[in-house]
Amino acid sequence: MAPTVVRDGPFRLFFFSREEPRMHVHVAHPDGEAKFWIEPSVALASHTGLSQKELAAAEEVVRRHLQEITDAWYKHFGR
């Protein structure tokens, strides 16, 4: 199960259940995907298919929705 946290323009932010315990979010875009660490700070973990411009936009979406992502993480996975 991959619950959607946020949809923002062409981006869909979501989690994979039972992945790794470190807080992170996946970002899907029509051209590819990226994974961003949330802790200890927002940082690109990996990506495929996205241009540097799309990666920058994806990171901005993650930063803009950081509180929603964090709240959804704790609701879905617990503390």
PDB file of N, CA and C in Angstrom:
ATOM      1  N   MET A   1       0.848  -1.191   0.000  1.00  0.00           N
ATOM      2  CA  MET A   1       0.000   0.000   0.000  1.00  0.00           C
ATOM      3  C   MET A   1       0.884   1.241   0.000  1.00  0.00           C
ATOM      4  N   ALA A   2       0.542   2.213  -0.826  1.00  0.00           N
ATOM      5  CA  ALA A   2       1.316   3.446  -0.917  1.00  0.00           C
ATOM      6  C   ALA A   2       0.377   4.638  -0.726  1.00  0.00           C
ATOM      7  N   PRO A   3       0.118   5.012   0.529  1.00  0.00           N
ATOM      8  CA  PRO A   3      -0.832   6.099   0.764  1.00  0.00           C
ATOM      9  C   PRO A   3      -0.323   7.442   0.217  1.00  0.00           C
ATOM     10  N   THR A   4      -1.190   8.126  -0.516  1.00  0.00           N
ATOM     11  CA  THR A   4      -0.870   9.458  -1.016  1.00  0.00           C
ATOM     12  C   THR A   4      -0.991  10.449   0.127  1.00  0.00           C
ATOM     13  N   VAL A   5       0.026  11.295   0.265  1.00  0.00           N
ATOM     14  CA  VAL A   5       0.041  12.312   1.306  1.00  0.00           C
ATOM     15  C   VAL A   5      -0.440  13.643   0.739  1.00  0.00           C
ATOM     16  N   VAL A   6       0.101  14.014  -0.424  1.00  0.00           N
ATOM     17  CA  VAL A   6      -0.196  15.311  -1.024  1.00  0.00           C
ATOM     18  C   VAL A   6      -0.168  15.173  -2.543  1.00  0.00           C
ATOM     19  N   ARG A   7      -1.034  15.896  -3.202  1.00  0.00           N
ATOM     20  CA  ARG A   7      -0.939  16.098  -4.657  1.00  0.00           C
ATOM     21  C   ARG A   7      -0.738  17.600  -4.850  1.00  0.00           C
ATOM     22  N   ASP A   8       0.277  17.946  -5.625  1.00  0.00           N
ATOM     23  CA  ASP A   8       0.604  19.351  -5.843  1.00  0.00           C
ATOM     24  C   ASP A   8       1.080  19.482  -7.288  1.00  0.00           C
ATOM     25  N   GLY A   9       0.252  20.061  -8.143  1.00  0.00           N
ATOM     26  CA  GLY A   9       0.595  20.155  -9.562  1.00  0.00           C
ATOM     27  C   GLY A   9       0.823  18.761 -10.120  1.00  0.00           C
ATOM     28  N   PRO A  10       1.948  18.547 -10.824  1.00  0.00           N
ATOM     29  CA  PRO A  10       2.203  17.229 -11.410  1.00  0.00           C
ATOM     30  C   PRO A  10       2.809  16.229 -10.422  1.00  0.00           C
ATOM     31  N   PHE A  11       2.935  16.623  -9.158  1.00  0.00           N
ATOM     32  CA  PHE A  11       3.601  15.775  -8.171  1.00  0.00           C
ATOM     33  C   PHE A  11       2.614  15.074  -7.248  1.00  0.00           C
ATOM     34  N   ARG A  12       2.917  13.812  -6.956  1.00  0.00           N
ATOM     35  CA  ARG A  12       2.167  13.048  -5.945  1.00  0.00           C
ATOM     36  C   ARG A  12       3.176  12.577  -4.921  1.00  0.00           C
ATOM     37  N   LEU A  13       2.977  12.944  -3.672  1.00  0.00           N
ATOM     38  CA  LEU A  13       3.864  12.543  -2.588  1.00  0.00           C
ATOM     39  C   LEU A  13       3.211  11.386  -1.849  1.00  0.00           C
ATOM     40  N   PHE A  14       4.001  10.347  -1.575  1.00  0.00           N
ATOM     41  CA  PHE A  14       3.433   9.149  -0.967  1.00  0.00           C
ATOM     42  C   PHE A  14       4.479   8.383  -0.172  1.00  0.00           C
ATOM     43  N   PHE A  15       4.011   7.446   0.632  1.00  0.00           N
ATOM     44  CA  PHE A  15       4.861   6.533   1.398  1.00  0.00           C
ATOM     45  C   PHE A  15       4.649   5.119   0.880  1.00  0.00           C
ATOM     46  N   PHE A  16       5.669   4.287   1.027  1.00  0.00           N
ATOM     47  CA  PHE A  16       5.506   2.846   0.870  1.00  0.00           C
ATOM     48  C   PHE A  16       5.416   2.257   2.268  1.00  0.00           C
ATOM     49  N   SER A  17       4.426   1.451   2.526  1.00  0.00           N
ATOM     50  CA  SER A  17       4.323   0.790   3.821  1.00  0.00           C
ATOM     51  C   SER A  17       5.427  -0.252   3.956  1.00  0.00           C
ATOM     52  N   ARG A  18       5.905  -0.423   5.147  1.00  0.00           N
ATOM     53  CA  ARG A  18       6.919  -1.434   5.480  1.00  0.00           C
ATOM     54  C   ARG A  18       8.201  -1.281   4.666  1.00  0.00           C
ATOM     55  N   GLU A  19       8.625  -0.071   4.465  1.00  0.00           N
ATOM     56  CA  GLU A  19       9.901   0.152   3.798  1.00  0.00           C
ATOM     57  C   GLU A  19      10.949   0.323   4.891  1.00  0.00           C
ATOM     58  N   GLU A  20      11.644   1.419   4.934  1.00  0.00           N
ATOM     59  CA  GLU A  20      12.666   1.636   5.955  1.00  0.00           C
ATOM     60  C   GLU A  20      12.162   2.615   7.004  1.00  0.00           C
ATOM     61  N   PRO A  21      12.715   2.564   8.213  1.00  0.00           N
ATOM     62  CA  PRO A  21      12.167   3.363   9.302  1.00  0.00           C
ATOM     63  C   PRO A  21      12.528   4.853   9.254  1.00  0.00           C
ATOM     64  N   ARG A  22      13.601   5.226   8.564  1.00  0.00           N
ATOM     65  CA  ARG A  22      13.992   6.641   8.508  1.00  0.00           C
ATOM     66  C   ARG A  22      12.923   7.423   7.728  1.00  0.00           C
ATOM     67  N   MET A  23      12.501   8.556   8.293  1.00  0.00           N
ATOM     68  CA  MET A  23      11.430   9.333   7.676  1.00  0.00           C
ATOM     69  C   MET A  23      11.843   9.835   6.286  1.00  0.00           C
ATOM     70  N   HIS A  24      10.999   9.530   5.314  1.00  0.00           N
ATOM     71  CA  HIS A  24      11.242   9.940   3.932  1.00  0.00           C
ATOM     72  C   HIS A  24       9.918   9.965   3.188  1.00  0.00           C
ATOM     73  N   VAL A  25       9.940  10.535   1.992  1.00  0.00           N
ATOM     74  CA  VAL A  25       8.742  10.581   1.167  1.00  0.00           C
ATOM     75  C   VAL A  25       9.151  10.333  -0.285  1.00  0.00           C
ATOM     76  N   HIS A  26       8.284   9.653  -1.011  1.00  0.00           N
ATOM     77  CA  HIS A  26       8.486   9.422  -2.438  1.00  0.00           C
ATOM     78  C   HIS A  26       7.678  10.461  -3.205  1.00  0.00           C
ATOM     79  N   VAL A  27       8.233  10.917  -4.317  1.00  0.00           N
ATOM     80  CA  VAL A  27       7.579  11.925  -5.138  1.00  0.00           C
ATOM     81  C   VAL A  27       7.464  11.382  -6.562  1.00  0.00           C
ATOM     82  N   ALA A  28       6.236  11.197  -7.016  1.00  0.00           N
ATOM     83  CA  ALA A  28       6.003  10.725  -8.382  1.00  0.00           C
ATOM     84  C   ALA A  28       5.668  11.922  -9.269  1.00  0.00           C
ATOM     85  N   HIS A  29       6.161  11.869 -10.484  1.00  0.00           N
ATOM     86  CA  HIS A  29       5.949  12.902 -11.499  1.00  0.00           C
ATOM     87  C   HIS A  29       5.772  12.145 -12.818  1.00  0.00           C
ATOM     88  N   PRO A  30       5.058  12.688 -13.784  1.00  0.00           N
ATOM     89  CA  PRO A  30       4.890  11.961 -15.052  1.00  0.00           C
ATOM     90  C   PRO A  30       6.210  11.536 -15.706  1.00  0.00           C
ATOM     91  N   ASP A  31       7.298  12.263 -15.443  1.00  0.00           N
ATOM     92  CA  ASP A  31       8.585  11.942 -16.066  1.00  0.00           C
ATOM     93  C   ASP A  31       9.486  11.041 -15.231  1.00  0.00           C
ATOM     94  N   GLY A  32       9.130  10.796 -13.972  1.00  0.00           N
ATOM     95  CA  GLY A  32       9.988   9.964 -13.132  1.00  0.00           C
ATOM     96  C   GLY A  32       9.596  10.044 -11.674  1.00  0.00           C
ATOM     97  N   GLU A  33      10.521   9.639 -10.816  1.00  0.00           N
ATOM     98  CA  GLU A  33      10.273   9.633  -9.375  1.00  0.00           C
ATOM     99  C   GLU A  33      11.518  10.065  -8.625  1.00  0.00           C
ATOM    100  N   ALA A  34      11.291  10.482  -7.380  1.00  0.00           N
ATOM    101  CA  ALA A  34      12.391  10.820  -6.492  1.00  0.00           C
ATOM    102  C   ALA A  34      12.017  10.394  -5.075  1.00  0.00           C
ATOM    103  N   LYS A  35      13.031  10.253  -4.262  1.00  0.00           N
ATOM    104  CA  LYS A  35      12.842   9.940  -2.849  1.00  0.00           C
ATOM    105  C   LYS A  35      13.632  10.980  -2.066  1.00  0.00           C
ATOM    106  N   PHE A  36      12.969  11.575  -1.077  1.00  0.00           N
ATOM    107  CA  PHE A  36      13.619  12.588  -0.244  1.00  0.00           C
ATOM    108  C   PHE A  36      13.618  12.154   1.207  1.00  0.00           C
ATOM    109  N   TRP A  37      14.780  12.261   1.841  1.00  0.00           N
ATOM    110  CA  TRP A  37      14.855  12.089   3.283  1.00  0.00           C
ATOM    111  C   TRP A  37      14.191  13.304   3.919  1.00  0.00           C
ATOM    112  N   ILE A  38      13.505  13.099   5.010  1.00  0.00           N
ATOM    113  CA  ILE A  38      12.905  14.193   5.771  1.00  0.00           C
ATOM    114  C   ILE A  38      13.736  14.473   7.016  1.00  0.00           C
ATOM    115  N   GLU A  39      14.330  13.427   7.568  1.00  0.00           N
ATOM    116  CA  GLU A  39      15.177  13.558   8.764  1.00  0.00           C
ATOM    117  C   GLU A  39      16.612  13.202   8.414  1.00  0.00           C
ATOM    118  N   PRO A  40      17.618  13.839   8.944  1.00  0.00           N
ATOM    119  CA  PRO A  40      17.513  14.968   9.876  1.00  0.00           C
ATOM    120  C   PRO A  40      17.146  16.279   9.190  1.00  0.00           C
ATOM    121  N   SER A  41      17.245  16.325   7.855  1.00  0.00           N
ATOM    122  CA  SER A  41      16.797  17.497   7.097  1.00  0.00           C
ATOM    123  C   SER A  41      16.396  17.012   5.698  1.00  0.00           C
ATOM    124  N   VAL A  42      15.685  17.846   4.975  1.00  0.00           N
ATOM    125  CA  VAL A  42      15.248  17.473   3.630  1.00  0.00           C
ATOM    126  C   VAL A  42      16.471  17.326   2.725  1.00  0.00           C
ATOM    127  N   ALA A  43      16.595  16.147   2.109  1.00  0.00           N
ATOM    128  CA  ALA A  43      17.724  15.873   1.222  1.00  0.00           C
ATOM    129  C   ALA A  43      17.298  14.817   0.203  1.00  0.00           C
ATOM    130  N   LEU A  44      17.770  14.969  -1.014  1.00  0.00           N
ATOM    131  CA  LEU A  44      17.483  13.996  -2.062  1.00  0.00           C
ATOM    132  C   LEU A  44      18.182  12.682  -1.741  1.00  0.00           C
ATOM    133  N   ALA A  45      17.426  11.594  -1.738  1.00  0.00           N
ATOM    134  CA  ALA A  45      17.991  10.263  -1.484  1.00  0.00           C
ATOM    135  C   ALA A  45      18.293   9.553  -2.798  1.00  0.00           C
ATOM    136  N   SER A  46      17.354   9.631  -3.757  1.00  0.00           N
ATOM    137  CA  SER A  46      17.534   8.974  -5.048  1.00  0.00           C
ATOM    138  C   SER A  46      16.513   9.537  -6.025  1.00  0.00           C
ATOM    139  N   HIS A  47      16.755   9.297  -7.308  1.00  0.00           N
ATOM    140  CA  HIS A  47      15.786   9.730  -8.311  1.00  0.00           C
ATOM    141  C   HIS A  47      16.023   8.971  -9.601  1.00  0.00           C
ATOM    142  N   THR A  48      14.997   8.977 -10.432  1.00  0.00           N
ATOM    143  CA  THR A  48      15.097   8.393 -11.763  1.00  0.00           C
ATOM    144  C   THR A  48      14.190   9.162 -12.707  1.00  0.00           C
ATOM    145  N   GLY A  49      14.732   9.540 -13.864  1.00  0.00           N
ATOM    146  CA  GLY A  49      13.937  10.135 -14.918  1.00  0.00           C
ATOM    147  C   GLY A  49      13.645  11.619 -14.809  1.00  0.00           C
ATOM    148  N   LEU A  50      14.014  12.262 -13.711  1.00  0.00           N
ATOM    149  CA  LEU A  50      13.688  13.675 -13.533  1.00  0.00           C
ATOM    150  C   LEU A  50      14.871  14.562 -13.882  1.00  0.00           C
ATOM    151  N   SER A  51      14.579  15.698 -14.516  1.00  0.00           N
ATOM    152  CA  SER A  51      15.618  16.680 -14.825  1.00  0.00           C
ATOM    153  C   SER A  51      15.987  17.442 -13.550  1.00  0.00           C
ATOM    154  N   GLN A  52      17.055  18.191 -13.605  1.00  0.00           N
ATOM    155  CA  GLN A  52      17.451  19.005 -12.444  1.00  0.00           C
ATOM    156  C   GLN A  52      16.348  20.013 -12.099  1.00  0.00           C
ATOM    157  N   LYS A  53      15.701  20.565 -13.108  1.00  0.00           N
ATOM    158  CA  LYS A  53      14.607  21.512 -12.874  1.00  0.00           C
ATOM    159  C   LYS A  53      13.439  20.821 -12.160  1.00  0.00           C
ATOM    160  N   GLU A  54      13.094  19.614 -12.612  1.00  0.00           N
ATOM    161  CA  GLU A  54      12.002  18.868 -11.974  1.00  0.00           C
ATOM    162  C   GLU A  54      12.376  18.452 -10.557  1.00  0.00           C
ATOM    163  N   LEU A  55      13.637  18.086 -10.343  1.00  0.00           N
ATOM    164  CA  LEU A  55      14.094  17.734  -8.990  1.00  0.00           C
ATOM    165  C   LEU A  55      13.999  18.935  -8.056  1.00  0.00           C
ATOM    166  N   ALA A  56      14.394  20.094  -8.536  1.00  0.00           N
ATOM    167  CA  ALA A  56      14.301  21.308  -7.721  1.00  0.00           C
ATOM    168  C   ALA A  56      12.842  21.613  -7.387  1.00  0.00           C
ATOM    169  N   ALA A  57      11.959  21.448  -8.363  1.00  0.00           N
ATOM    170  CA  ALA A  57      10.533  21.679  -8.121  1.00  0.00           C
ATOM    171  C   ALA A  57       9.982  20.655  -7.132  1.00  0.00           C
ATOM    172  N   ALA A  58      10.408  19.399  -7.252  1.00  0.00           N
ATOM    173  CA  ALA A  58       9.966  18.347  -6.329  1.00  0.00           C
ATOM    174  C   ALA A  58      10.415  18.664  -4.905  1.00  0.00           C
ATOM    175  N   GLU A  59      11.658  19.099  -4.765  1.00  0.00           N
ATOM    176  CA  GLU A  59      12.159  19.444  -3.423  1.00  0.00           C
ATOM    177  C   GLU A  59      11.372  20.614  -2.844  1.00  0.00           C
ATOM    178  N   GLU A  60      11.037  21.582  -3.666  1.00  0.00           N
ATOM    179  CA  GLU A  60      10.237  22.713  -3.202  1.00  0.00           C
ATOM    180  C   GLU A  60       8.863  22.246  -2.725  1.00  0.00           C
ATOM    181  N   VAL A  61       8.256  21.318  -3.443  1.00  0.00           N
ATOM    182  CA  VAL A  61       6.956  20.767  -3.025  1.00  0.00           C
ATOM    183  C   VAL A  61       7.103  20.060  -1.681  1.00  0.00           C
ATOM    184  N   VAL A  62       8.157  19.274  -1.516  1.00  0.00           N
ATOM    185  CA  VAL A  62       8.393  18.584  -0.242  1.00  0.00           C
ATOM    186  C   VAL A  62       8.539  19.608   0.879  1.00  0.00           C
ATOM    187  N   ARG A  63       9.354  20.621   0.662  1.00  0.00           N
ATOM    188  CA  ARG A  63       9.558  21.643   1.700  1.00  0.00           C
ATOM    189  C   ARG A  63       8.263  22.394   2.020  1.00  0.00           C
ATOM    190  N   ARG A  64       7.483  22.695   0.995  1.00  0.00           N
ATOM    191  CA  ARG A  64       6.229  23.429   1.192  1.00  0.00           C
ATOM    192  C   ARG A  64       5.225  22.606   2.015  1.00  0.00           C
ATOM    193  N   HIS A  65       5.272  21.290   1.879  1.00  0.00           N
ATOM    194  CA  HIS A  65       4.305  20.418   2.562  1.00  0.00           C
ATOM    195  C   HIS A  65       4.942  19.624   3.703  1.00  0.00           C
ATOM    196  N   LEU A  66       6.059  20.111   4.213  1.00  0.00           N
ATOM    197  CA  LEU A  66       6.819  19.366   5.219  1.00  0.00           C
ATOM    198  C   LEU A  66       5.986  18.983   6.444  1.00  0.00           C
ATOM    199  N   GLN A  67       5.190  19.912   6.956  1.00  0.00           N
ATOM    200  CA  GLN A  67       4.381  19.602   8.140  1.00  0.00           C
ATOM    201  C   GLN A  67       3.335  18.536   7.826  1.00  0.00           C
ATOM    202  N   GLU A  68       2.704  18.621   6.662  1.00  0.00           N
ATOM    203  CA  GLU A  68       1.718  17.613   6.267  1.00  0.00           C
ATOM    204  C   GLU A  68       2.370  16.235   6.138  1.00  0.00           C
ATOM    205  N   ILE A  69       3.573  16.210   5.557  1.00  0.00           N
ATOM    206  CA  ILE A  69       4.293  14.945   5.392  1.00  0.00           C
ATOM    207  C   ILE A  69       4.621  14.344   6.746  1.00  0.00           C
ATOM    208  N   THR A  70       5.156  15.172   7.633  1.00  0.00           N
ATOM    209  CA  THR A  70       5.526  14.695   8.979  1.00  0.00           C
ATOM    210  C   THR A  70       4.303  14.182   9.731  1.00  0.00           C
ATOM    211  N   ASP A  71       3.231  14.951   9.706  1.00  0.00           N
ATOM    212  CA  ASP A  71       1.996  14.534  10.390  1.00  0.00           C
ATOM    213  C   ASP A  71       1.472  13.218   9.811  1.00  0.00           C
ATOM    214  N   ALA A  72       1.476  13.098   8.478  1.00  0.00           N
ATOM    215  CA  ALA A  72       0.988  11.880   7.833  1.00  0.00           C
ATOM    216  C   ALA A  72       1.888  10.695   8.164  1.00  0.00           C
ATOM    217  N   TRP A  73       3.195  10.914   8.247  1.00  0.00           N
ATOM    218  CA  TRP A  73       4.139   9.846   8.590  1.00  0.00           C
ATOM    219  C   TRP A  73       3.790   9.268   9.969  1.00  0.00           C
ATOM    220  N   TYR A  74       3.631  10.170  10.963  1.00  0.00           N
ATOM    221  CA  TYR A  74       3.332   9.702  12.316  1.00  0.00           C
ATOM    222  C   TYR A  74       1.958   9.052  12.404  1.00  0.00           C
ATOM    223  N   LYS A  75       1.009   9.549  11.624  1.00  0.00           N
ATOM    224  CA  LYS A  75      -0.321   8.935  11.619  1.00  0.00           C
ATOM    225  C   LYS A  75      -0.252   7.531  11.015  1.00  0.00           C
ATOM    226  N   HIS A  76       0.525   7.381   9.934  1.00  0.00           N
ATOM    227  CA  HIS A  76       0.598   6.100   9.238  1.00  0.00           C
ATOM    228  C   HIS A  76       1.501   5.086   9.945  1.00  0.00           C
ATOM    229  N   PHE A  77       2.677   5.548  10.389  1.00  0.00           N
ATOM    230  CA  PHE A  77       3.673   4.626  10.945  1.00  0.00           C
ATOM    231  C   PHE A  77       3.784   4.668  12.464  1.00  0.00           C
ATOM    232  N   GLY A  78       3.231   5.691  13.091  1.00  0.00           N
ATOM    233  CA  GLY A  78       3.390   5.859  14.539  1.00  0.00           C
ATOM    234  C   GLY A  78       4.682   6.598  14.837  1.00  0.00           C
ATOM    235  N   ARG A  79       4.897   6.867  16.103  1.00  0.00           N
ATOM    236  CA  ARG A  79       6.099   7.643  16.482  1.00  0.00           C
ATOM    237  C   ARG A  79       7.252   6.756  16.740  1.00  0.00           C
TER     238      ARG A  79
END
